[in-house]
């Protein structure tokens, strides 16, 4: 189809929506390393994991060979409330940049949670309900995951207990109120409500918290209550599986117009949206069908891929969770209280870590003031106020488009716009007032944290 016939927004019909999730691990020659029992250092069994997670989610977590999982009809019906999400051709941005690049973004902000997180939240809540549980516990950084899970639990009639990283709890009061609208209880983490929370507060008085801290508290809250399980919004294999719907929809939309991206870009914290967006494209690369360039964009304040080590580490600060082999800054690393709360995790998805270690993906780290400059530019040009997390990908996409202008290359760029920034106006206020600072950990800070890694490999 000719260039001028590609619409600004490409929508799929309900019939074109994916009916299966894609399991990227099935096409990986080098599989992600297994989760380890922290006591025995042996691979976690299904029986061990079922004490923390829902049964069917454990099966999804451990299955590295089944390429596709059917999406239950009940979940597909829920998806129809906000999916399929639009794939947008950024004509206005291309014009302003005067670039020969063609820029597309997959917009995941058309739901009340304001992000892609609802794709996995409804799946995890569904399996909890199917198992007959009373409720679930979780952590949330910026609040998108907590909001999404509260929506899913509210819809299905499950209790939802959210431990929200303290700095985000204080920065984003409206986000936590939305969670309460949907029936969730929200606790600032670390807190005095759990033993691990008390321990962290005693060791780090006045801490602003981290995702690692909140995970520890949520896990303790789940295992200490009858009829509850813990659910996680990123990092785990099962989450990237559910989020593959993003990439599957994006690829179907592009295929309708014969468009093939050269570069696929996503922000990277724990890895859920990046893993979901790149999944079908990476699958083609792994199978030798087509080559793509993949770029993970992370905050300079929490640079797990670009400055971490590929080692086994705890997924949580309290060291109660299984060990995962991943690029990590150390489970004790507490990043600065910057405004991209959803990217403040010390480690990276085992799937993405393995792909990065194998040289199949690139990574860059960026400063938050540069991120907010790109966010504001994008808002003025494309008319969407982006979330700080998404704006990391926007910055990288703009930089690549400018590079195309310099070289004259007509590349096609696809990035993930994971959510909106309407609950992040305090962050925008800090940026406009000049109060926003770039806090980047020193080599000594990172080395001190990495020195505490468990001795596994």
Protein backbone atom coordinates (compact mmCIF):
# COMPACT_ATOMS: atom_id res chain seq x y z
CA UNK A 1 0.00 0.00 0.00
CA UNK A 2 1.31 3.46 -0.82
CA UNK A 3 2.78 5.65 1.89
CA UNK A 4 0.05 8.29 1.85
CA UNK A 5 -2.68 5.71 2.46
CA UNK A 6 -1.40 4.66 5.89
CA UNK A 7 -3.83 6.25 8.40
CA UNK A 8 -2.81 8.21 11.46
CA UNK A 9 -4.31 5.52 13.65
CA UNK A 10 -4.50 1.85 12.73
CA UNK A 11 -7.21 -0.05 14.58
CA UNK A 12 -7.81 -3.77 14.45
CA UNK A 13 -11.31 -5.20 14.52
CA UNK A 14 -12.42 -7.40 17.41
CA UNK A 15 -12.05 -10.40 15.13
CA UNK A 16 -8.41 -9.48 14.50
CA UNK A 17 -7.53 -9.38 18.20
CA UNK A 18 -5.06 -12.09 19.28
CA UNK A 19 -6.67 -15.22 20.69
CA UNK A 20 -3.39 -16.52 22.12
CA UNK A 21 -0.43 -15.10 24.03
CA UNK A 22 3.01 -15.77 22.56
CA UNK A 23 5.68 -17.40 24.71
CA UNK A 24 8.98 -15.97 23.46
CA UNK A 25 10.98 -18.56 25.41
CA UNK A 26 9.82 -21.27 23.00
CA UNK A 27 12.01 -19.75 20.27
CA UNK A 28 15.01 -18.94 22.47
CA UNK A 29 18.02 -21.18 21.87
CA UNK A 30 19.43 -20.14 25.25
CA UNK A 31 16.56 -20.35 27.72
CA UNK A 32 16.39 -18.02 30.71
CA UNK A 33 17.99 -19.55 33.79
CA UNK A 34 15.51 -21.09 36.26
CA UNK A 35 14.40 -19.48 39.50
CA UNK A 36 16.32 -20.93 42.45
CA UNK A 37 15.16 -21.82 45.93
CA UNK A 38 17.15 -19.45 48.18
CA UNK A 39 17.60 -22.19 50.78
CA UNK A 40 18.70 -25.10 48.60
CA UNK A 41 19.89 -23.17 45.50
CA UNK A 42 18.03 -25.74 43.42
CA UNK A 43 15.50 -24.83 40.70
CA UNK A 44 12.13 -23.94 42.17
CA UNK A 45 9.49 -26.63 41.71
CA UNK A 46 5.86 -26.00 40.87
CA UNK A 47 4.86 -27.16 44.35
CA UNK A 48 7.18 -24.61 45.97
CA UNK A 49 5.99 -21.74 43.78
CA UNK A 50 2.32 -22.56 44.33
CA UNK A 51 2.68 -21.45 47.94
CA UNK A 52 3.15 -17.90 46.63
CA UNK A 53 1.57 -17.79 43.15
CA UNK A 54 -1.65 -19.11 41.59
CA UNK A 55 -1.45 -22.65 40.19
CA UNK A 56 -2.05 -21.87 36.52
CA UNK A 57 0.30 -18.90 36.63
CA UNK A 58 3.03 -21.19 37.98
CA UNK A 59 2.55 -23.46 34.97
CA UNK A 60 2.91 -20.48 32.65
CA UNK A 61 5.97 -19.31 34.57
CA UNK A 62 7.79 -22.64 34.22
CA UNK A 63 6.82 -23.53 30.64
CA UNK A 64 9.64 -22.58 28.29
CA UNK A 65 8.56 -24.72 25.34
CA UNK A 66 4.88 -24.11 24.54
CA UNK A 67 4.85 -21.31 21.92
CA UNK A 68 1.25 -20.17 22.38
CA UNK A 69 -1.21 -20.10 25.29
CA UNK A 70 -4.90 -19.67 24.58
CA UNK A 71 -6.39 -16.52 26.11
CA UNK A 72 -9.52 -17.58 28.04
CA UNK A 73 -12.74 -16.17 26.63
CA UNK A 74 -13.50 -14.33 29.89
CA UNK A 75 -10.20 -12.43 29.61
CA UNK A 76 -10.76 -11.71 25.91
CA UNK A 77 -14.19 -10.29 26.78
CA UNK A 78 -12.60 -8.01 29.40
CA UNK A 79 -9.91 -6.95 26.91
CA UNK A 80 -12.64 -5.69 24.58
CA UNK A 81 -13.34 -2.85 27.03
CA UNK A 82 -10.11 -1.16 25.92
CA UNK A 83 -8.53 -3.35 23.25
CA UNK A 84 -7.43 -3.48 20.54
CA UNK A 85 -5.32 -0.42 21.29
CA UNK A 86 -4.35 1.91 18.45
CA UNK A 87 -1.10 1.86 16.54
CA UNK A 88 -0.37 5.50 15.70
CA UNK A 89 1.71 6.85 12.82
CA UNK A 90 3.42 9.91 14.31
CA UNK A 91 3.12 12.10 11.23
CA UNK A 92 3.19 15.31 13.29
CA UNK A 93 6.36 14.28 15.10
CA UNK A 94 8.03 13.29 11.84
CA UNK A 95 7.16 16.69 10.35
CA UNK A 96 8.46 18.66 13.33
CA UNK A 97 11.71 16.70 13.36
CA UNK A 98 12.07 16.96 9.57
CA UNK A 99 13.25 13.38 9.56
CA UNK A 100 13.02 10.81 6.77
CA UNK A 101 12.27 8.21 9.46
CA UNK A 102 8.77 6.76 9.75
CA UNK A 103 7.69 6.70 13.40
CA UNK A 104 4.95 4.54 14.90
CA UNK A 105 3.89 4.08 18.50
CA UNK A 106 1.64 1.53 20.14
CA UNK A 107 -0.56 3.47 22.58
CA UNK A 108 -1.57 1.55 25.71
CA UNK A 109 -3.10 4.41 27.71
CA UNK A 110 -6.75 4.10 26.69
CA UNK A 111 -8.01 2.70 29.99
CA UNK A 112 -8.52 4.08 33.49
CA UNK A 113 -5.28 2.56 34.78
CA UNK A 114 -3.55 4.68 32.13
CA UNK A 115 -1.11 1.96 31.10
CA UNK A 116 -0.42 -1.46 29.61
CA UNK A 117 -0.51 -3.08 33.05
CA UNK A 118 -4.17 -4.07 32.79
CA UNK A 119 -3.25 -6.71 30.17
CA UNK A 120 -1.62 -8.89 32.84
CA UNK A 121 -3.65 -7.69 35.82
CA UNK A 122 -6.91 -9.12 34.50
CA UNK A 123 -5.17 -12.38 33.60
CA UNK A 124 -3.65 -12.83 37.04
CA UNK A 125 -6.86 -11.84 38.82
CA UNK A 126 -8.82 -14.25 36.62
CA UNK A 127 -6.62 -17.21 37.56
CA UNK A 128 -6.82 -16.24 41.24
CA UNK A 129 -10.61 -16.14 41.05
CA UNK A 130 -10.69 -19.43 39.15
CA UNK A 131 -8.64 -21.01 41.95
CA UNK A 132 -11.20 -19.87 44.51
CA UNK A 133 -8.93 -17.42 46.35
CA UNK A 134 -10.15 -14.57 48.54
CA UNK A 135 -7.69 -12.01 47.29
CA UNK A 136 -4.22 -11.06 46.13
CA UNK A 137 -1.37 -8.86 47.31
CA UNK A 138 1.08 -6.88 45.21
CA UNK A 139 3.55 -4.02 45.05
CA UNK A 140 3.42 -0.95 42.81
CA UNK A 141 5.99 1.65 41.89
CA UNK A 142 4.49 4.59 40.02
CA UNK A 143 1.04 3.17 40.64
CA UNK A 144 0.02 1.94 37.19
CA UNK A 145 0.21 -1.72 38.19
CA UNK A 146 -1.60 -1.16 41.47
CA UNK A 147 -4.35 0.74 39.68
CA UNK A 148 -4.68 -1.94 37.01
CA UNK A 149 -4.83 -4.76 39.55
CA UNK A 150 -7.39 -2.92 41.67
CA UNK A 151 -9.56 -2.54 38.55
CA UNK A 152 -9.27 -6.24 37.72
CA UNK A 153 -9.97 -7.32 41.30
CA UNK A 154 -12.88 -4.91 41.60
CA UNK A 155 -14.41 -6.40 38.46
CA UNK A 156 -13.97 -9.99 39.66
CA UNK A 157 -14.83 -9.41 43.32
CA UNK A 158 -11.39 -10.14 44.80
CA UNK A 159 -9.74 -8.37 47.72
CA UNK A 160 -6.64 -6.42 46.66
CA UNK A 161 -3.85 -5.29 48.99
CA UNK A 162 -1.29 -2.95 47.43
CA UNK A 163 2.09 -1.95 48.86
CA UNK A 164 3.06 1.29 47.09
CA UNK A 165 6.66 2.53 47.06
CA UNK A 166 6.75 5.36 49.59
CA UNK A 167 8.11 8.10 47.31
CA UNK A 168 5.37 7.40 44.74
CA UNK A 169 2.74 7.10 47.48
CA UNK A 170 3.65 10.67 48.48
CA UNK A 171 4.20 12.04 44.96
CA UNK A 172 0.99 10.59 43.48
CA UNK A 173 -1.91 10.87 45.94
CA UNK A 174 -4.50 10.78 43.16
CA UNK A 175 -3.14 7.50 41.83
CA UNK A 176 -3.63 5.82 45.20
CA UNK A 177 -7.15 7.27 45.47
CA UNK A 178 -8.08 5.68 42.15
CA UNK A 179 -6.96 2.33 43.59
CA UNK A 180 -9.26 2.91 46.54
CA UNK A 181 -12.15 3.72 44.17
CA UNK A 182 -11.81 0.15 42.90
CA UNK A 183 -11.74 -1.27 46.43
CA UNK A 184 -8.02 -1.79 47.04
CA UNK A 185 -6.23 -1.05 50.31
CA UNK A 186 -3.00 0.91 49.73
CA UNK A 187 -0.05 0.98 52.14
CA UNK A 188 3.11 3.08 51.78
CA UNK A 189 6.19 0.81 51.65
CA UNK A 190 8.25 0.13 53.64
CA UNK A 191 5.69 0.01 56.43
CA UNK A 192 5.23 -1.15 60.00
CA UNK A 193 2.57 -3.65 58.92
CA UNK A 194 5.03 -6.45 58.05
CA UNK A 195 8.11 -7.88 59.72
CA UNK A 196 10.26 -7.27 56.67
CA UNK A 197 9.00 -3.67 56.47
CA UNK A 198 9.96 -3.06 60.09
CA UNK A 199 13.42 -4.51 59.45
CA UNK A 200 14.03 -2.30 56.41
CA UNK A 201 12.87 0.81 58.29
CA UNK A 202 15.17 -0.01 61.18
CA UNK A 203 18.14 -0.43 58.83
CA UNK A 204 17.30 2.52 56.56
CA UNK A 205 15.40 5.14 58.60
CA UNK A 206 13.64 7.67 56.39
CA UNK A 207 14.05 5.59 53.22
CA UNK A 208 11.86 6.50 50.25
CA UNK A 209 11.47 2.79 49.50
CA UNK A 210 11.94 0.74 46.37
CA UNK A 211 10.10 -1.88 44.36
CA UNK A 212 12.32 -4.48 46.01
CA UNK A 213 11.08 -3.37 49.45
CA UNK A 214 7.44 -3.37 48.38
CA UNK A 215 7.74 -6.83 46.83
CA UNK A 216 9.05 -8.22 50.11
CA UNK A 217 6.12 -6.78 52.04
CA UNK A 218 3.54 -7.99 49.52
CA UNK A 219 4.94 -11.52 49.53
CA UNK A 220 4.90 -11.66 53.34
CA UNK A 221 1.33 -10.35 53.39
CA UNK A 222 0.25 -13.07 50.94
CA UNK A 223 1.89 -16.08 52.58
CA UNK A 224 0.68 -15.06 56.03
CA UNK A 225 -2.99 -14.95 54.98
CA UNK A 226 -5.19 -17.93 54.19
CA UNK A 227 -6.72 -17.73 50.71
CA UNK A 228 -4.31 -15.14 49.30
CA UNK A 229 -1.58 -15.26 46.69
CA UNK A 230 1.00 -12.76 45.51
CA UNK A 231 0.89 -11.31 41.98
CA UNK A 232 3.62 -9.30 40.24
CA UNK A 233 3.28 -6.62 37.55
CA UNK A 234 6.57 -7.13 35.74
CA UNK A 235 9.80 -9.17 35.58
CA UNK A 236 8.26 -12.67 35.66
CA UNK A 237 7.92 -14.87 32.56
CA UNK A 238 4.16 -15.09 33.00
CA UNK A 239 3.83 -11.29 32.88
CA UNK A 240 5.81 -10.98 29.64
CA UNK A 241 3.61 -13.75 28.25
CA UNK A 242 0.42 -11.78 28.95
CA UNK A 243 1.95 -8.54 27.66
CA UNK A 244 2.79 -10.17 24.32
CA UNK A 245 -0.66 -9.02 23.22
CA UNK A 246 0.91 -5.57 22.72
CA UNK A 247 3.45 -6.77 20.18
CA UNK A 248 1.03 -9.21 18.53
CA UNK A 249 -1.47 -6.43 17.90
CA UNK A 250 1.25 -4.04 16.73
CA UNK A 251 2.65 -6.59 14.29
CA UNK A 252 -0.79 -7.46 12.90
CA UNK A 253 -1.54 -3.76 12.35
CA UNK A 254 1.80 -3.14 10.61
CA UNK A 255 1.45 -6.28 8.49
CA UNK A 256 -1.90 -5.00 7.16
CA UNK A 257 0.00 -2.17 5.48
CA UNK A 258 3.15 -4.07 4.61
CA UNK A 259 5.23 -2.13 7.12
CA UNK A 260 8.28 -3.70 8.79
CA UNK A 261 10.01 -1.79 11.60
CA UNK A 262 13.78 -1.50 11.54
CA UNK A 263 14.04 -0.40 15.18
CA UNK A 264 11.79 -1.36 18.12
CA UNK A 265 12.17 0.69 21.31
CA UNK A 266 10.72 0.36 24.79
CA UNK A 267 11.34 1.72 28.27
CA UNK A 268 12.80 -0.87 30.64
CA UNK A 269 12.31 -1.24 34.38
CA UNK A 270 11.37 -4.83 35.12
CA UNK A 271 10.70 -5.57 31.47
CA UNK A 272 6.93 -6.12 31.07
CA UNK A 273 6.11 -3.58 28.37
CA UNK A 274 9.40 -3.94 26.49
CA UNK A 275 9.13 -7.72 26.52
CA UNK A 276 5.50 -7.57 25.41
CA UNK A 277 6.18 -5.14 22.57
CA UNK A 278 9.21 -6.89 21.10
CA UNK A 279 7.96 -10.48 21.55
CA UNK A 280 6.72 -11.39 18.04
CA UNK A 281 9.46 -9.37 16.33
CA UNK A 282 12.15 -10.97 18.47
CA UNK A 283 10.58 -14.33 17.67
CA UNK A 284 11.15 -13.69 13.98
CA UNK A 285 14.74 -12.69 14.69
CA UNK A 286 15.36 -15.82 16.75
CA UNK A 287 13.91 -18.00 14.02
CA UNK A 288 16.10 -16.30 11.41
CA UNK A 289 13.13 -14.92 9.47
CA UNK A 290 13.93 -11.22 9.77
CA UNK A 291 16.38 -8.94 11.53
CA UNK A 292 15.43 -6.08 13.84
CA UNK A 293 17.27 -3.70 16.13
CA UNK A 294 15.88 -3.65 19.68
CA UNK A 295 16.65 -0.87 22.18
CA UNK A 296 15.87 -1.00 25.91
CA UNK A 297 15.82 2.45 27.53
CA UNK A 298 16.37 2.68 31.28
CA UNK A 299 16.84 5.55 33.75
CA UNK A 300 20.40 6.58 34.57
CA UNK A 301 19.34 6.48 38.22
CA UNK A 302 18.63 2.72 38.05
CA UNK A 303 20.74 1.29 35.19
CA UNK A 304 20.48 -2.46 35.69
CA UNK A 305 21.29 -3.44 32.08
CA UNK A 306 23.94 -0.85 31.32
CA UNK A 307 25.78 -0.93 34.66
CA UNK A 308 24.58 -4.04 36.47
CA UNK A 309 25.97 -7.57 36.45
CA UNK A 310 24.38 -10.71 35.01
CA UNK A 311 24.10 -12.76 38.18
CA UNK A 312 21.68 -14.62 40.39
CA UNK A 313 20.07 -12.23 42.83
CA UNK A 314 17.01 -11.84 45.02
CA UNK A 315 14.04 -10.14 43.37
CA UNK A 316 13.29 -8.30 46.60
CA UNK A 317 15.13 -6.27 49.22
CA UNK A 318 13.95 -8.47 52.09
CA UNK A 319 15.48 -11.55 50.43
CA UNK A 320 12.38 -13.71 50.84
CA UNK A 321 11.70 -14.34 47.14
CA UNK A 322 13.37 -16.88 44.83
CA UNK A 323 16.68 -16.05 43.20
CA UNK A 324 16.55 -15.02 39.53
CA UNK A 325 19.44 -14.78 37.10
CA UNK A 326 19.23 -11.29 35.68
CA UNK A 327 21.09 -8.08 35.13
CA UNK A 328 21.00 -6.56 38.58
CA UNK A 329 22.33 -3.71 40.71
CA UNK A 330 21.84 -5.80 43.84
CA UNK A 331 18.63 -6.36 45.78
CA UNK A 332 19.79 -3.89 48.40
CA UNK A 333 20.14 -1.08 45.86
CA UNK A 334 17.65 1.70 46.55
CA UNK A 335 17.56 4.17 43.64
CA UNK A 336 16.97 7.88 44.01
CA UNK A 337 13.36 9.02 44.31
CA UNK A 338 13.05 10.07 40.67
CA UNK A 339 9.72 10.40 38.93
CA UNK A 340 9.76 7.30 36.72
CA UNK A 341 8.61 5.15 39.61
CA UNK A 342 7.74 2.18 37.41
CA UNK A 343 11.38 1.86 36.34
CA UNK A 344 12.93 1.86 39.82
CA UNK A 345 13.60 -1.89 40.02
CA UNK A 346 17.09 -3.19 40.75
CA UNK A 347 16.90 -6.05 38.24
CA UNK A 348 15.63 -6.97 34.80
CA UNK A 349 13.40 -9.76 33.47
CA UNK A 350 15.29 -13.06 33.09
CA UNK A 351 14.04 -13.31 29.51
CA UNK A 352 15.31 -9.87 28.54
CA UNK A 353 18.52 -10.39 30.50
CA UNK A 354 19.27 -13.54 28.51
CA UNK A 355 18.51 -11.81 25.21
CA UNK A 356 20.76 -8.90 26.18
CA UNK A 357 23.56 -11.25 27.26
CA UNK A 358 23.27 -13.00 23.88
CA UNK A 359 23.71 -9.69 22.05
CA UNK A 360 20.19 -9.70 20.60
CA UNK A 361 19.21 -6.40 22.19
CA UNK A 362 20.83 -3.03 22.99
CA UNK A 363 20.40 -0.88 26.09
CA UNK A 364 20.88 2.82 26.85
CA UNK A 365 20.41 4.82 30.03
CA UNK A 366 19.09 8.39 30.04
CA UNK A 367 18.76 11.25 32.55
CA UNK A 368 15.34 12.24 33.81
CA UNK A 369 15.61 15.92 32.83
CA UNK A 370 16.30 14.85 29.23
CA UNK A 371 13.35 12.46 29.48
CA UNK A 372 10.99 15.24 30.57
CA UNK A 373 12.23 17.53 27.80
CA UNK A 374 11.29 14.81 25.31
CA UNK A 375 7.95 14.22 27.09
CA UNK A 376 7.00 17.88 26.85
CA UNK A 377 8.05 18.09 23.21
CA UNK A 378 5.98 15.01 22.40
CA UNK A 379 2.94 16.36 24.25
CA UNK A 380 3.06 19.60 22.27
CA UNK A 381 3.50 17.83 18.94
CA UNK A 382 1.41 14.65 19.25
CA UNK A 383 -1.19 15.87 21.75
CA UNK A 384 -0.74 13.12 24.36
CA UNK A 385 0.73 13.79 27.80
CA UNK A 386 2.99 10.76 28.27
CA UNK A 387 3.92 8.96 31.48
CA UNK A 388 7.52 9.49 32.64
CA UNK A 389 8.24 5.79 32.03
CA UNK A 390 7.00 5.92 28.43
CA UNK A 391 8.96 9.10 27.84
CA UNK A 392 12.21 7.17 28.09
CA UNK A 393 11.21 5.39 24.89
CA UNK A 394 10.07 8.68 23.34
CA UNK A 395 13.50 10.22 23.96
CA UNK A 396 15.28 7.28 22.33
CA UNK A 397 12.88 7.32 19.36
CA UNK A 398 13.47 11.04 18.83
CA UNK A 399 17.23 10.51 19.00
CA UNK A 400 17.05 7.73 16.41
CA UNK A 401 14.86 9.88 14.15
CA UNK A 402 17.37 12.73 14.39
CA UNK A 403 20.13 10.29 13.50
CA UNK A 404 18.17 9.33 10.38
CA UNK A 405 17.98 13.01 9.47
CA UNK A 406 21.75 13.28 9.74
CA UNK A 407 22.42 10.17 7.65
CA UNK A 408 19.48 10.45 5.26
CA UNK A 409 18.35 6.90 6.13
CA UNK A 410 14.62 6.18 5.80
CA UNK A 411 14.22 3.83 8.75
CA UNK A 412 10.96 2.75 10.37
CA UNK A 413 10.86 3.17 14.14
CA UNK A 414 8.31 1.54 16.46
CA UNK A 415 8.13 2.42 20.16
CA UNK A 416 5.83 1.67 23.03
CA UNK A 417 3.79 4.50 24.55
CA UNK A 418 2.87 2.55 27.65
CA UNK A 419 0.66 5.09 29.37
CA UNK A 420 -0.45 8.62 30.10
CA UNK A 421 1.05 11.12 32.53
CA UNK A 422 -2.04 12.77 33.99
CA UNK A 423 -1.25 11.36 37.44
CA UNK A 424 2.34 12.57 37.11
CA UNK A 425 1.75 16.31 37.09
CA UNK A 426 3.78 16.78 40.27
CA UNK A 427 6.74 15.47 38.31
CA UNK A 428 6.04 17.87 35.45
CA UNK A 429 5.77 20.68 38.02
CA UNK A 430 9.22 19.78 39.42
CA UNK A 431 10.60 19.82 35.88
CA UNK A 432 9.11 23.22 35.06
CA UNK A 433 10.24 24.79 38.33
CA UNK A 434 13.82 23.59 37.88
CA UNK A 435 13.66 21.47 41.04
CA UNK A 436 14.14 18.22 39.15
CA UNK A 437 17.67 16.86 39.55
CA UNK A 438 19.59 14.07 37.87
CA UNK A 439 20.86 11.66 40.50
CA UNK A 440 23.13 9.02 39.02
CA UNK A 441 24.70 6.35 41.26
CA UNK A 442 28.47 6.36 41.45
CA UNK A 443 30.58 3.33 40.57
CA UNK A 444 31.24 3.00 44.29
CA UNK A 445 27.49 2.97 45.08
CA UNK A 446 26.88 0.16 42.61
CA UNK A 447 29.98 -1.80 43.60
CA UNK A 448 28.94 -1.66 47.25
CA UNK A 449 25.51 -3.07 46.39
CA UNK A 450 26.86 -5.72 44.02
CA UNK A 451 29.28 -6.90 46.71
CA UNK A 452 26.27 -8.16 48.66
CA UNK A 453 25.02 -10.45 45.87
CA UNK A 454 24.49 -14.07 46.90
CA UNK A 455 27.33 -16.42 45.98
CA UNK A 456 25.63 -18.66 43.45
CA UNK A 457 27.57 -18.52 40.20
